[in-house]
Amino acid sequence: MKKLLFFTAIVLFGFTYVSAQEIDFGAKAGVNFATITGDDLDSFSSRTAFHLGFVAEIGITEKFSFQPELLYSAQGADYSEDGFEGSVKVDYLNLPLMAKFYVAEGFSLEAGPQVGFLLSAKDVYDGGEDDWSDITKGIDFGLNFGVGYKLESGLNFGARYNLGLSDVNNDPEYLGDSAFKNSVIQAYLGFFF
């Protein structure tokens, strides 16, 4: 955990030594529409949850910036199969590294990689709850694509799609041979200080 905090501190604040660059710090929060994709996972549907965290936007040119983020993100999926209903609740500490290109005043297109560190995983169903931390891989890699709009006041909002690249199924004997990949649509509201 100390290594993760150290790495995060370097990414978020290490860029302050870059000369002649504008750096804005902020916070954001929003809604997640998450699911888990893979073969033979027809019983999974979207789970509505949330994300929140901190951002730093580092201006590179007038039109281009780099935006590392540190986000708590509640993900997973709801399911209904053979009369059973429940939710797979998977929580991550995500570190998106976004490239932002401003195509018009305040309006940006965003893309970049993301690494997620598993905080907890559980299956919650009628009458019980199972810990899935051991059967879910601890690291998730993905790609993000989105749009955003930033007002001069610092208020900003946008939407993003997180495409999971990693198979997070750590126990094919228990969960089956299907690859489990995260898929999340996010809408957010933020503020730069």
Protein backbone atom coordinates (compact mmCIF):
# COMPACT_ATOMS: atom_id res chain seq x y z
CA MET A 1 0.00 0.00 0.00
CA LYS A 2 2.91 2.36 0.74
CA LYS A 3 4.30 1.76 -2.77
CA LEU A 4 0.90 2.55 -4.30
CA LEU A 5 0.59 5.80 -2.34
CA PHE A 6 4.15 6.78 -3.24
CA PHE A 7 3.55 6.05 -6.95
CA THR A 8 0.30 8.01 -6.89
CA ALA A 9 1.95 10.98 -5.21
CA ILE A 10 4.66 11.02 -7.88
CA VAL A 11 2.14 10.88 -10.72
CA LEU A 12 -0.21 13.52 -9.31
CA PHE A 13 2.31 15.94 -7.89
CA GLY A 14 5.63 15.10 -9.53
CA PHE A 15 4.77 17.14 -12.57
CA THR A 16 4.94 20.38 -10.60
CA TYR A 17 8.62 20.56 -11.54
CA VAL A 18 7.77 20.89 -15.22
CA SER A 19 8.58 24.51 -15.95
CA ALA A 20 6.27 26.90 -17.78
CA GLN A 21 3.33 24.53 -17.55
CA GLU A 22 -0.03 25.39 -16.06
CA ILE A 23 -1.24 22.83 -13.52
CA ASP A 24 -4.79 22.81 -12.19
CA PHE A 25 -5.85 20.54 -9.32
CA GLY A 26 -9.42 19.48 -8.76
CA ALA A 27 -11.95 16.92 -7.64
CA LYS A 28 -14.69 15.04 -9.44
CA ALA A 29 -17.58 12.69 -8.71
CA GLY A 30 -20.19 10.97 -10.77
CA VAL A 31 -22.32 8.01 -11.63
CA ASN A 32 -21.13 4.65 -13.02
CA PHE A 33 -23.20 2.38 -15.22
CA ALA A 34 -21.06 -0.74 -14.89
CA THR A 35 -21.26 -4.30 -16.09
CA ILE A 36 -19.01 -7.30 -16.59
CA THR A 37 -18.62 -8.61 -20.14
CA GLY A 38 -17.52 -11.98 -21.44
CA ASP A 39 -18.71 -15.14 -23.15
CA ASP A 40 -21.73 -16.83 -21.53
CA LEU A 41 -22.43 -13.87 -19.23
CA ASP A 42 -25.92 -13.11 -20.52
CA SER A 43 -27.32 -12.99 -17.00
CA PHE A 44 -25.27 -9.86 -16.13
CA SER A 45 -26.84 -6.42 -16.49
CA SER A 46 -25.79 -2.88 -15.66
CA ARG A 47 -25.16 -1.92 -12.03
CA THR A 48 -25.55 1.74 -11.12
CA ALA A 49 -22.86 2.94 -8.71
CA PHE A 50 -20.51 5.93 -8.30
CA HIS A 51 -16.95 7.20 -8.55
CA LEU A 52 -15.10 10.08 -6.87
CA GLY A 53 -11.57 11.36 -6.58
CA PHE A 54 -8.89 13.87 -7.47
CA VAL A 55 -7.51 15.14 -10.77
CA ALA A 56 -4.57 17.24 -11.95
CA GLU A 57 -4.63 18.84 -15.40
CA ILE A 58 -1.20 19.70 -16.77
CA GLY A 59 -1.20 22.05 -19.74
CA ILE A 60 1.28 21.02 -22.44
CA THR A 61 0.17 23.36 -25.22
CA GLU A 62 -2.84 25.62 -25.69
CA LYS A 63 -4.87 22.71 -27.11
CA PHE A 64 -3.32 19.67 -25.40
CA SER A 65 -3.04 18.63 -21.76
CA PHE A 66 -2.27 15.59 -19.63
CA GLN A 67 -4.66 14.66 -16.81
CA PRO A 68 -3.73 12.00 -14.24
CA GLU A 69 -6.56 11.06 -11.87
CA LEU A 70 -6.94 9.05 -8.67
CA LEU A 71 -10.48 7.68 -8.34
CA TYR A 72 -12.43 5.38 -6.08
CA SER A 73 -14.79 3.52 -8.43
CA ALA A 74 -17.65 1.19 -7.47
CA GLN A 75 -18.17 -1.24 -10.37
CA GLY A 76 -19.49 -4.74 -11.04
CA ALA A 77 -22.83 -5.96 -12.37
CA ASP A 78 -26.31 -7.03 -11.37
CA TYR A 79 -27.53 -10.49 -12.34
CA SER A 80 -30.68 -12.56 -12.53
CA GLU A 81 -30.49 -16.27 -13.32
CA ASP A 82 -32.78 -19.21 -12.55
CA GLY A 83 -34.81 -17.18 -10.07
CA PHE A 84 -31.75 -15.83 -8.22
CA GLU A 85 -30.97 -12.12 -8.18
CA GLY A 86 -27.92 -10.36 -6.87
CA SER A 87 -25.04 -7.99 -7.49
CA VAL A 88 -21.36 -8.50 -8.05
CA LYS A 89 -19.84 -5.47 -6.28
CA VAL A 90 -16.25 -4.77 -7.28
CA ASP A 91 -14.50 -1.66 -5.94
CA TYR A 92 -11.27 -0.27 -7.40
CA LEU A 93 -8.76 2.49 -6.82
CA ASN A 94 -8.33 3.59 -10.45
CA LEU A 95 -5.49 5.62 -11.91
CA PRO A 96 -6.50 6.96 -15.36
CA LEU A 97 -3.78 8.78 -17.33
CA MET A 98 -5.74 10.88 -19.80
CA ALA A 99 -4.58 12.86 -22.82
CA LYS A 100 -6.96 15.76 -23.47
CA PHE A 101 -7.27 17.57 -26.78
CA TYR A 102 -9.33 20.77 -26.80
CA VAL A 103 -11.21 20.88 -30.10
CA ALA A 104 -13.08 24.09 -29.19
CA GLU A 105 -13.10 26.54 -26.29
CA GLY A 106 -13.62 24.40 -23.16
CA PHE A 107 -14.61 21.24 -25.11
CA SER A 108 -12.16 18.32 -25.00
CA LEU A 109 -11.80 14.82 -26.38
CA GLU A 110 -10.05 12.48 -23.93
CA ALA A 111 -8.31 9.13 -24.21
CA GLY A 112 -5.80 7.17 -22.18
CA PRO A 113 -4.88 4.03 -20.29
CA GLN A 114 -6.03 3.14 -16.81
CA VAL A 115 -4.79 0.78 -14.12
CA GLY A 116 -7.17 -0.29 -11.36
CA PHE A 117 -6.19 -1.76 -8.00
CA LEU A 118 -8.83 -4.03 -6.45
CA LEU A 119 -10.09 -2.83 -3.06
CA SER A 120 -12.91 -5.33 -2.55
CA ALA A 121 -15.05 -7.82 -4.44
CA LYS A 122 -18.19 -9.57 -3.27
CA ASP A 123 -21.29 -11.32 -4.52
CA VAL A 124 -24.37 -10.00 -2.71
CA TYR A 125 -27.57 -11.99 -3.17
CA ASP A 126 -30.87 -12.73 -1.42
CA GLY A 127 -29.97 -14.29 1.90
CA GLY A 128 -26.22 -13.92 1.76
CA GLU A 129 -22.93 -12.48 0.66
CA ASP A 130 -19.72 -14.13 -0.58
CA ASP A 131 -16.26 -12.56 -0.57
CA TRP A 132 -14.84 -12.66 -4.12
CA SER A 133 -11.52 -10.93 -3.33
CA ASP A 134 -9.52 -14.14 -3.81
CA ILE A 135 -11.23 -15.09 -7.06
CA THR A 136 -10.89 -11.62 -8.62
CA LYS A 137 -7.51 -10.49 -9.95
CA GLY A 138 -5.94 -7.63 -8.02
CA ILE A 139 -5.05 -5.44 -11.01
CA ASP A 140 -7.23 -4.39 -13.92
CA PHE A 141 -5.96 -2.62 -17.05
CA GLY A 142 -8.21 -0.66 -19.37
CA LEU A 143 -8.59 2.12 -21.92
CA ASN A 144 -10.71 5.23 -21.46
CA PHE A 145 -12.42 7.35 -24.11
CA GLY A 146 -14.49 10.42 -23.36
CA VAL A 147 -15.58 14.00 -23.84
CA GLY A 148 -15.52 16.87 -21.41
CA TYR A 149 -16.38 20.52 -21.05
CA LYS A 150 -14.62 22.96 -18.71
CA LEU A 151 -16.04 26.37 -17.82
CA GLU A 152 -13.78 29.32 -16.98
CA SER A 153 -15.02 29.10 -13.38
CA GLY A 154 -13.36 25.66 -13.05
CA LEU A 155 -16.63 23.74 -13.12
CA ASN A 156 -16.37 20.83 -15.53
CA PHE A 157 -18.47 17.87 -16.62
CA GLY A 158 -18.28 15.04 -19.07
CA ALA A 159 -18.79 11.41 -19.96
CA ARG A 160 -16.38 8.54 -20.41
CA TYR A 161 -16.30 4.89 -21.40
CA ASN A 162 -13.89 2.54 -19.60
CA LEU A 163 -13.07 -0.52 -21.70
CA GLY A 164 -11.63 -3.29 -19.54
CA LEU A 165 -8.73 -5.12 -21.20
CA SER A 166 -7.87 -7.54 -18.39
CA ASP A 167 -9.59 -10.80 -17.59
CA VAL A 168 -10.27 -10.31 -13.87
CA ASN A 169 -11.48 -13.91 -13.40
CA ASN A 170 -8.85 -15.39 -11.06
CA ASP A 171 -10.61 -18.73 -10.46
CA PRO A 172 -11.96 -20.47 -13.59
CA GLU A 173 -12.91 -23.52 -11.50
CA TYR A 174 -15.34 -21.42 -9.43
CA LEU A 175 -16.40 -18.79 -11.97
CA GLY A 176 -16.13 -20.85 -15.16
CA ASP A 177 -13.83 -20.42 -18.15
CA SER A 178 -15.37 -17.16 -19.35
CA ALA A 179 -13.19 -14.05 -19.29
CA PHE A 180 -14.62 -11.37 -16.99
CA LYS A 181 -13.88 -7.84 -18.23
CA ASN A 182 -15.05 -4.58 -16.70
CA SER A 183 -17.13 -2.21 -18.83
CA VAL A 184 -18.13 1.14 -17.35
CA ILE A 185 -19.92 4.22 -18.69
CA GLN A 186 -19.36 7.27 -16.47
CA ALA A 187 -20.90 10.72 -16.23
CA TYR A 188 -19.17 13.20 -13.92
CA LEU A 189 -19.18 16.69 -12.47
CA GLY A 190 -15.97 18.25 -11.21
CA PHE A 191 -14.29 21.44 -10.12
CA PHE A 192 -10.75 22.75 -10.62
CA PHE A 193 -9.51 24.89 -7.73
